[in-house]
Protein backbone atom coordinates (compact mmCIF):
# COMPACT_ATOMS: atom_id res chain seq x y z
CA MET A 1 -13.66 -7.91 -1.47
CA SER A 2 -13.71 -6.95 2.19
CA ARG A 3 -16.41 -8.26 4.51
CA PRO A 4 -17.82 -4.74 5.32
CA LEU A 5 -18.32 -4.01 1.60
CA THR A 6 -19.92 -7.41 1.11
CA CYS A 7 -22.37 -6.69 3.90
CA CYS A 8 -23.08 -3.27 2.42
CA ILE A 9 -23.89 -4.83 -0.93
CA ALA A 10 -26.16 -7.37 0.70
CA LEU A 11 -27.97 -4.62 2.62
CA CYS A 12 -28.42 -2.53 -0.53
CA ALA A 13 -29.72 -5.58 -2.35
CA SER A 14 -32.31 -6.17 0.33
CA LEU A 15 -33.41 -2.54 0.28
CA TRP A 16 -33.80 -2.55 -3.50
CA SER A 17 -35.18 -6.08 -3.86
CA GLY A 18 -38.63 -4.86 -4.77
CA ALA A 19 -37.75 -3.90 -8.33
CA GLY A 20 -40.02 -6.64 -9.66
CA TRP A 21 -37.92 -7.89 -12.59
CA ALA A 22 -35.72 -10.86 -13.30
CA THR A 23 -32.15 -10.50 -12.07
CA PRO A 24 -29.76 -10.89 -15.00
CA ASP A 25 -27.47 -13.92 -15.05
CA PRO A 26 -23.93 -12.57 -14.66
CA VAL A 27 -22.45 -15.65 -16.33
CA ALA A 28 -24.60 -15.08 -19.39
CA VAL A 29 -23.65 -11.40 -19.47
CA VAL A 30 -19.96 -12.29 -19.30
CA LYS A 31 -20.34 -14.78 -22.15
CA SER A 32 -22.15 -12.29 -24.37
CA GLU A 33 -20.39 -9.05 -23.48
CA VAL A 34 -16.96 -9.81 -22.08
CA LEU A 35 -15.49 -12.95 -23.64
CA PRO A 36 -16.15 -11.92 -27.26
CA GLY A 37 -14.41 -8.61 -26.63
CA PHE A 38 -11.24 -10.17 -25.29
CA GLU A 39 -11.30 -12.82 -27.99
CA THR A 40 -11.42 -10.08 -30.62
CA LEU A 41 -8.57 -8.27 -28.88
CA ALA A 42 -6.44 -11.42 -28.96
CA GLU A 43 -7.23 -12.00 -32.64
CA LYS A 44 -6.52 -8.42 -33.68
CA ALA A 45 -3.32 -8.30 -31.63
CA GLN A 46 -2.10 -11.43 -33.42
CA VAL A 47 -2.78 -9.73 -36.76
CA LEU A 48 -0.79 -6.77 -35.46
CA GLU A 49 2.16 -8.98 -34.57
CA ASP A 50 2.03 -10.65 -37.99
CA ALA A 51 1.87 -7.27 -39.73
CA ALA A 52 4.90 -6.01 -37.80
CA GLN A 53 6.85 -9.12 -38.72
CA ALA A 54 5.93 -8.69 -42.39
CA ASP A 55 6.72 -4.97 -42.58
CA CYS A 56 8.01 -2.94 -39.64
CA SER A 57 8.21 0.33 -41.55
CA PRO A 58 6.43 3.13 -39.64
CA ASP A 59 4.64 4.24 -42.80
CA SER A 60 3.38 0.74 -43.61
CA ASP A 61 -0.34 1.02 -44.31
CA ALA A 62 -0.89 -2.60 -43.33
CA LEU A 63 0.92 -2.19 -40.01
CA ARG A 64 -0.90 1.02 -39.14
CA ALA A 65 -4.25 -0.53 -40.03
CA ALA A 66 -3.53 -3.62 -37.91
CA TRP A 67 -2.47 -1.41 -35.00
CA ALA A 68 -5.64 0.67 -35.32
CA ASP A 69 -7.87 -2.42 -35.39
CA ALA A 70 -6.17 -3.90 -32.34
CA PHE A 71 -6.31 -0.56 -30.53
CA ASP A 72 -10.05 -0.35 -31.28
CA ALA A 73 -10.48 -3.81 -29.77
CA TRP A 74 -8.61 -2.74 -26.63
CA VAL A 75 -10.66 0.42 -26.12
CA ARG A 76 -13.83 -1.66 -26.35
CA VAL A 77 -12.72 -3.75 -23.35
CA SER A 78 -10.66 -1.14 -21.52
CA HIS A 79 -13.40 -0.64 -18.91
CA LEU A 80 -13.06 -4.31 -17.88
CA ARG A 81 -9.97 -3.75 -15.78
CA PHE A 82 -10.45 -6.53 -13.27
CA GLY A 83 -9.62 -10.21 -13.08
CA PRO A 84 -7.18 -11.33 -15.82
CA ALA A 85 -6.62 -7.76 -17.04
CA GLU A 86 -5.18 -6.66 -13.71
CA VAL A 87 -2.81 -9.64 -13.30
CA ALA A 88 0.83 -8.52 -13.58
CA ASP A 89 -0.33 -5.02 -14.63
CA ARG A 90 -1.44 -6.38 -18.01
CA ALA A 91 -3.91 -3.57 -18.66
CA PHE A 92 -1.24 -0.93 -18.01
CA ALA A 93 1.27 -2.80 -20.17
CA LEU A 94 -1.23 -2.68 -23.03
CA ALA A 95 -2.26 0.91 -22.45
CA PHE A 96 -0.04 3.13 -20.32
CA TRP A 97 -2.04 6.36 -20.39
CA PRO A 98 -2.37 9.01 -19.13
CA ASP A 99 1.38 9.39 -19.10
CA THR A 100 1.73 12.36 -16.78
CA ARG A 101 5.54 12.29 -16.73
CA ASN A 102 6.22 11.52 -20.40
CA ALA A 103 7.58 8.16 -19.38
CA THR A 104 6.78 6.53 -22.72
CA PRO A 105 9.01 8.70 -24.94
CA LYS A 106 11.74 8.66 -22.29
CA SER A 107 11.65 4.86 -22.04
CA LEU A 108 11.65 4.43 -25.80
CA GLN A 109 14.54 6.89 -26.15
CA GLY A 110 16.52 4.91 -23.61
CA LEU A 111 16.02 1.63 -25.43
CA ILE A 112 16.86 3.15 -28.81
CA ALA A 113 19.94 5.05 -27.61
CA ALA A 114 21.39 1.91 -26.03
CA GLU A 115 20.11 -0.37 -28.78
CA ASP A 116 19.10 -2.56 -25.87
CA PRO A 117 19.13 -6.25 -26.88
CA VAL A 118 16.09 -6.81 -24.65
CA VAL A 119 14.00 -6.65 -27.84
CA GLU A 120 15.40 -10.00 -28.91
CA SER A 121 13.69 -11.99 -26.16
CA VAL A 122 9.98 -12.36 -25.42
CA GLU A 123 10.66 -13.01 -21.76
CA ALA A 124 13.16 -10.18 -21.37
CA PHE A 125 10.98 -7.61 -23.10
CA GLY A 126 8.15 -8.54 -20.77
CA GLN A 127 10.26 -7.05 -17.96
CA VAL A 128 10.88 -3.62 -19.47
CA SER A 129 9.00 -0.57 -18.22
CA ILE A 130 5.30 -0.72 -19.02
CA ALA A 131 5.73 2.79 -20.44
CA ALA A 132 7.66 1.29 -23.37
CA ARG A 133 5.05 -1.35 -24.10
CA GLY A 134 1.61 -1.54 -25.64
CA PHE A 135 -0.49 0.58 -27.94
CA TYR A 136 0.75 4.02 -26.90
CA ALA A 137 4.39 3.03 -27.34
CA LEU A 138 3.52 1.81 -30.82
CA GLU A 139 1.76 5.08 -31.53
CA TYR A 140 5.04 6.90 -30.93
CA LEU A 141 6.93 4.42 -33.10
CA LEU A 142 4.43 4.73 -35.96
CA PHE A 143 3.30 8.35 -35.83
CA ASP A 144 5.73 10.57 -33.93
CA PRO A 145 8.44 12.04 -36.21
CA ALA A 146 11.02 11.67 -33.44
CA PHE A 147 10.50 7.90 -33.33
CA ALA A 148 8.90 6.87 -36.62
CA GLN A 149 12.20 6.35 -38.39
CA GLU A 150 13.64 3.66 -40.61
CA SER A 151 16.41 1.89 -38.72
CA HIS A 152 17.32 -1.66 -37.84
CA TYR A 153 16.76 -1.13 -34.14
CA SER A 154 13.50 0.80 -34.52
CA CYS A 155 12.22 -2.08 -36.61
CA ALA A 156 13.25 -4.60 -33.96
CA LEU A 157 11.64 -2.49 -31.26
CA THR A 158 8.38 -2.14 -33.18
CA ARG A 159 8.26 -5.90 -33.67
CA ALA A 160 9.03 -6.52 -30.00
CA VAL A 161 6.24 -4.21 -28.81
CA ALA A 162 3.77 -5.76 -31.25
CA ARG A 163 4.76 -9.27 -30.19
CA ASP A 164 4.50 -8.36 -26.51
CA THR A 165 1.07 -6.80 -27.07
CA SER A 166 -0.12 -10.00 -28.74
CA GLU A 167 1.26 -12.14 -25.92
CA ILE A 168 -0.55 -10.07 -23.29
CA ALA A 169 -3.83 -10.01 -25.19
CA GLU A 170 -3.75 -13.77 -25.66
CA ALA A 171 -2.94 -14.36 -21.98
CA ILE A 172 -5.86 -12.21 -20.87
CA PHE A 173 -8.28 -14.04 -23.17
CA VAL A 174 -7.07 -17.49 -22.11
CA ASP A 175 -7.41 -16.58 -18.44
CA TRP A 176 -10.85 -15.05 -19.00
CA GLN A 177 -12.18 -18.37 -20.27
CA THR A 178 -11.53 -19.79 -16.82
CA PHE A 179 -12.25 -16.63 -14.86
CA ALA A 180 -15.73 -16.42 -16.40
CA GLN A 181 -16.71 -19.34 -14.19
CA GLU A 182 -16.15 -17.14 -11.14
CA PHE A 183 -19.35 -15.26 -11.97
CA ASP A 184 -21.38 -18.30 -11.01
CA ALA A 185 -23.27 -17.72 -7.76
CA GLU A 186 -21.45 -20.63 -6.11
CA SER A 187 -17.93 -19.42 -6.86
CA ASP A 188 -15.43 -18.44 -4.20
CA ARG A 189 -14.71 -14.99 -5.63
CA TYR A 190 -18.28 -13.72 -5.91
CA ARG A 191 -20.37 -15.18 -3.11
CA SER A 192 -23.68 -14.03 -4.54
CA THR A 193 -25.29 -12.96 -7.79
CA GLU A 194 -25.34 -9.40 -6.45
CA GLU A 195 -21.57 -9.41 -5.94
CA ALA A 196 -21.00 -10.64 -9.49
CA LEU A 197 -23.37 -8.03 -10.90
CA GLN A 198 -21.62 -5.42 -8.77
CA GLU A 199 -18.37 -6.09 -10.62
CA LEU A 200 -19.98 -5.71 -14.03
CA PHE A 201 -21.95 -2.62 -13.03
CA LYS A 202 -18.77 -1.06 -11.63
CA ALA A 203 -17.08 -1.64 -14.99
CA VAL A 204 -19.76 0.46 -16.66
CA THR A 205 -19.57 3.32 -14.18
CA SER A 206 -15.77 3.38 -13.97
CA GLY A 207 -15.52 3.30 -17.76
CA LEU A 208 -17.85 6.28 -18.01
CA GLN A 209 -15.91 8.14 -15.34
CA PHE A 210 -12.61 7.55 -17.11
CA THR A 211 -14.05 8.81 -20.38
CA SER A 212 -15.49 11.93 -18.77
CA ASP A 213 -12.68 12.83 -16.39
CA THR A 214 -9.68 11.68 -18.40
CA ARG A 215 -10.41 11.19 -22.10
CA ILE A 216 -12.38 14.44 -22.21
CA GLY A 217 -11.25 16.24 -19.07
CA ARG A 218 -7.48 16.14 -19.63
CA PRO A 219 -7.44 18.02 -22.95
CA MET A 220 -10.03 20.46 -21.61
CA GLY A 221 -7.76 21.55 -18.78
CA SER A 222 -9.21 24.80 -17.47
CA PHE A 223 -10.80 27.72 -19.28
CA ASP A 224 -7.68 29.82 -18.74
CA LYS A 225 -5.30 26.97 -19.51
CA PRO A 226 -6.69 24.41 -21.98
CA ARG A 227 -4.49 21.37 -22.62
CA PRO A 228 -5.25 20.07 -26.14
CA THR A 229 -1.86 18.32 -26.38
CA ARG A 230 -2.91 16.07 -23.51
CA ALA A 231 -5.60 14.43 -25.63
CA GLU A 232 -5.42 10.66 -25.82
CA ALA A 233 -3.83 9.22 -28.98
CA ARG A 234 -3.66 12.66 -30.60
CA ARG A 235 -0.67 11.71 -32.77
CA SER A 236 -2.85 9.26 -34.65
CA GLU A 237 -5.92 11.51 -34.38
CA ARG A 238 -7.93 8.94 -32.44
CA SER A 239 -9.00 11.02 -29.42
CA ILE A 240 -12.69 11.40 -30.24
CA ARG A 241 -12.78 7.90 -31.69
CA HIS A 242 -11.81 6.50 -28.30
CA VAL A 243 -14.64 8.40 -26.64
CA ARG A 244 -17.10 6.88 -29.11
CA LEU A 245 -15.71 3.34 -28.80
CA SER A 246 -15.71 3.45 -25.02
CA LEU A 247 -19.28 4.72 -24.93
CA GLU A 248 -20.42 2.05 -27.36
CA ALA A 249 -18.83 -0.61 -25.18
CA THR A 250 -20.23 0.60 -21.87
CA GLU A 251 -23.67 1.06 -23.44
CA SER A 252 -23.66 -2.53 -24.66
CA LEU A 253 -22.77 -3.83 -21.21
CA ALA A 254 -25.27 -1.54 -19.47
CA LEU A 255 -28.07 -2.67 -21.78
CA ALA A 256 -27.16 -6.32 -21.22
CA LEU A 257 -27.53 -5.73 -17.49
CA ALA A 258 -30.86 -3.97 -18.09
CA ALA A 259 -32.17 -6.53 -20.58
CA ASP A 260 -35.18 -7.41 -18.41
CA ALA A 261 -35.92 -3.82 -17.36
CA PRO A 262 -37.26 -2.14 -20.52
CA LYS A 263 -37.95 1.21 -18.89
CA VAL A 264 -34.42 1.47 -17.53
CA ALA A 265 -32.98 0.28 -20.85
CA ALA A 266 -34.92 2.99 -22.70
CA GLU A 267 -33.57 5.70 -20.40
CA ILE A 268 -30.04 4.39 -20.86
CA ARG A 269 -30.40 4.39 -24.66
CA GLU A 270 -31.75 7.92 -24.65
CA ALA A 271 -28.85 9.21 -22.55
CA TYR A 272 -26.29 7.51 -24.77
CA GLU A 273 -27.95 8.80 -27.94
CA LYS A 274 -27.47 12.36 -26.72
CA ALA A 275 -23.83 11.67 -25.97
CA PHE A 276 -23.26 10.21 -29.44
CA ALA A 277 -24.93 13.28 -30.95
CA GLU A 278 -22.42 15.47 -29.11
CA ILE A 279 -19.57 13.36 -30.46
CA ASP A 280 -20.85 13.96 -33.99
CA ALA A 281 -20.90 17.70 -33.32
CA GLN A 282 -17.23 17.96 -32.35
CA GLU A 283 -15.01 20.20 -34.47
CA SER A 284 -11.77 18.28 -34.10
CA PRO A 285 -10.87 14.56 -33.81
CA ILE A 286 -8.26 15.48 -31.19
CA PHE A 287 -10.06 18.14 -29.09
CA ALA A 288 -8.02 20.89 -30.71
CA GLY A 289 -10.95 23.27 -30.33
CA VAL A 290 -10.73 23.48 -26.54
CA ASP A 291 -8.53 26.56 -26.88
CA ASN A 292 -11.29 28.66 -28.46
CA PRO A 293 -14.67 29.50 -26.87
CA ALA A 294 -16.90 27.85 -29.47
CA GLY A 295 -14.88 24.64 -29.62
CA ARG A 296 -14.59 24.45 -25.85
CA PHE A 297 -18.34 24.87 -25.49
CA ARG A 298 -18.91 21.85 -27.74
CA VAL A 299 -16.49 19.76 -25.67
CA GLU A 300 -18.20 20.89 -22.47
CA LEU A 301 -21.53 19.74 -23.91
CA LEU A 302 -19.99 16.36 -24.69
CA GLN A 303 -18.63 15.98 -21.18
CA ALA A 304 -21.99 16.98 -19.73
CA ALA A 305 -23.70 14.38 -21.91
CA VAL A 306 -21.37 11.66 -20.65
CA GLU A 307 -21.98 12.80 -17.09
CA ARG A 308 -25.70 12.52 -17.79
CA VAL A 309 -25.17 8.92 -18.86
CA ARG A 310 -23.33 8.27 -15.59
CA THR A 311 -26.20 9.77 -13.64
CA VAL A 312 -28.83 7.67 -15.41
CA VAL A 313 -26.83 4.46 -15.04
CA GLY A 314 -26.14 5.12 -11.37
CA ALA A 315 -29.64 6.26 -10.46
CA GLU A 316 -31.66 3.82 -12.55
CA LEU A 317 -29.65 0.69 -13.30
CA GLY A 318 -27.84 0.42 -9.97
CA PRO A 319 -31.01 0.25 -7.85
CA GLU A 320 -32.60 -2.21 -10.27
CA LEU A 321 -29.61 -4.51 -9.88
CA GLY A 322 -29.41 -3.92 -6.14
CA VAL A 323 -25.79 -2.78 -6.35
CA ILE A 324 -23.65 0.31 -5.82
CA ALA A 325 -20.86 1.69 -7.98
CA GLY A 326 -18.06 0.90 -5.52
CA PHE A 327 -14.35 1.62 -5.93
CA ASN A 328 -13.03 2.68 -9.33
CA SER A 329 -9.83 0.76 -10.10
CA GLN A 330 -8.76 3.51 -12.51
CA ASP A 331 -8.83 6.27 -9.89
CA GLY A 332 -5.40 7.81 -9.58
CA ASP A 333 -4.06 6.42 -12.87
């Protein structure tokens, strides 16, 4: 973090220091909210790898279920895109989306057409394009008719992607066990409690922004030109599910940060409850309704509810913590 931003954070902390409540311990928050999430991801990704080794058929119920469980675990930590998750583009290798240039199907097609032997080596596959790796690549291989085919190479590719996903998830979790210590006030990375809380608060706000602008905003497109086929994970009909999972995860972290501020916590819960109610009211699991007025109106209400959560978190929790939202690492993805 640059020195000017550090000074800005310190100034904001001094201006907002009169909140009159106990500052949360960032190390404790990491242990309760972050480490368990990445541990679950590593565990579920290992189950995914095992399932692919046992049966690589694209219509395997066990494989699809293991993929879905591991994908759930990723979405629940996908807002924590700093530290170990950003090393060697690990987060993007797990989840390359949005894919604005259709790089994933193109990369998969290239591997399949050449029957590239890169799938035979853990180390070699770790060097292929991130577009051909992770959960979205597996979605194509399991759910897209153009890729979900029974063949020797498709099987090998599915197993390679699953194995690579497990390797990445495990590496992130292992590194997080050490990186968690950086949230101590005496660490070199975060030179104060406020700086450490800033990182966690930023994860909440950036996660909410990504959900509003990208998970919801991309399929909405414009009124004259809706883009329902741009919905996240639409092939597996998980688009709305990802909105719910991401909101559940950011709510949990936000409430952990507001644990000693009951009034702020209550406002956060109320805002999230309204957003979850709008999720329940959606017509389609993949935002298919954005191309008709009634369906689009419901999606607009959902996006507005998520924006309301962002407003509450920014206006109420930020000042209580003495921090600002800061740079969003997902901007421009």
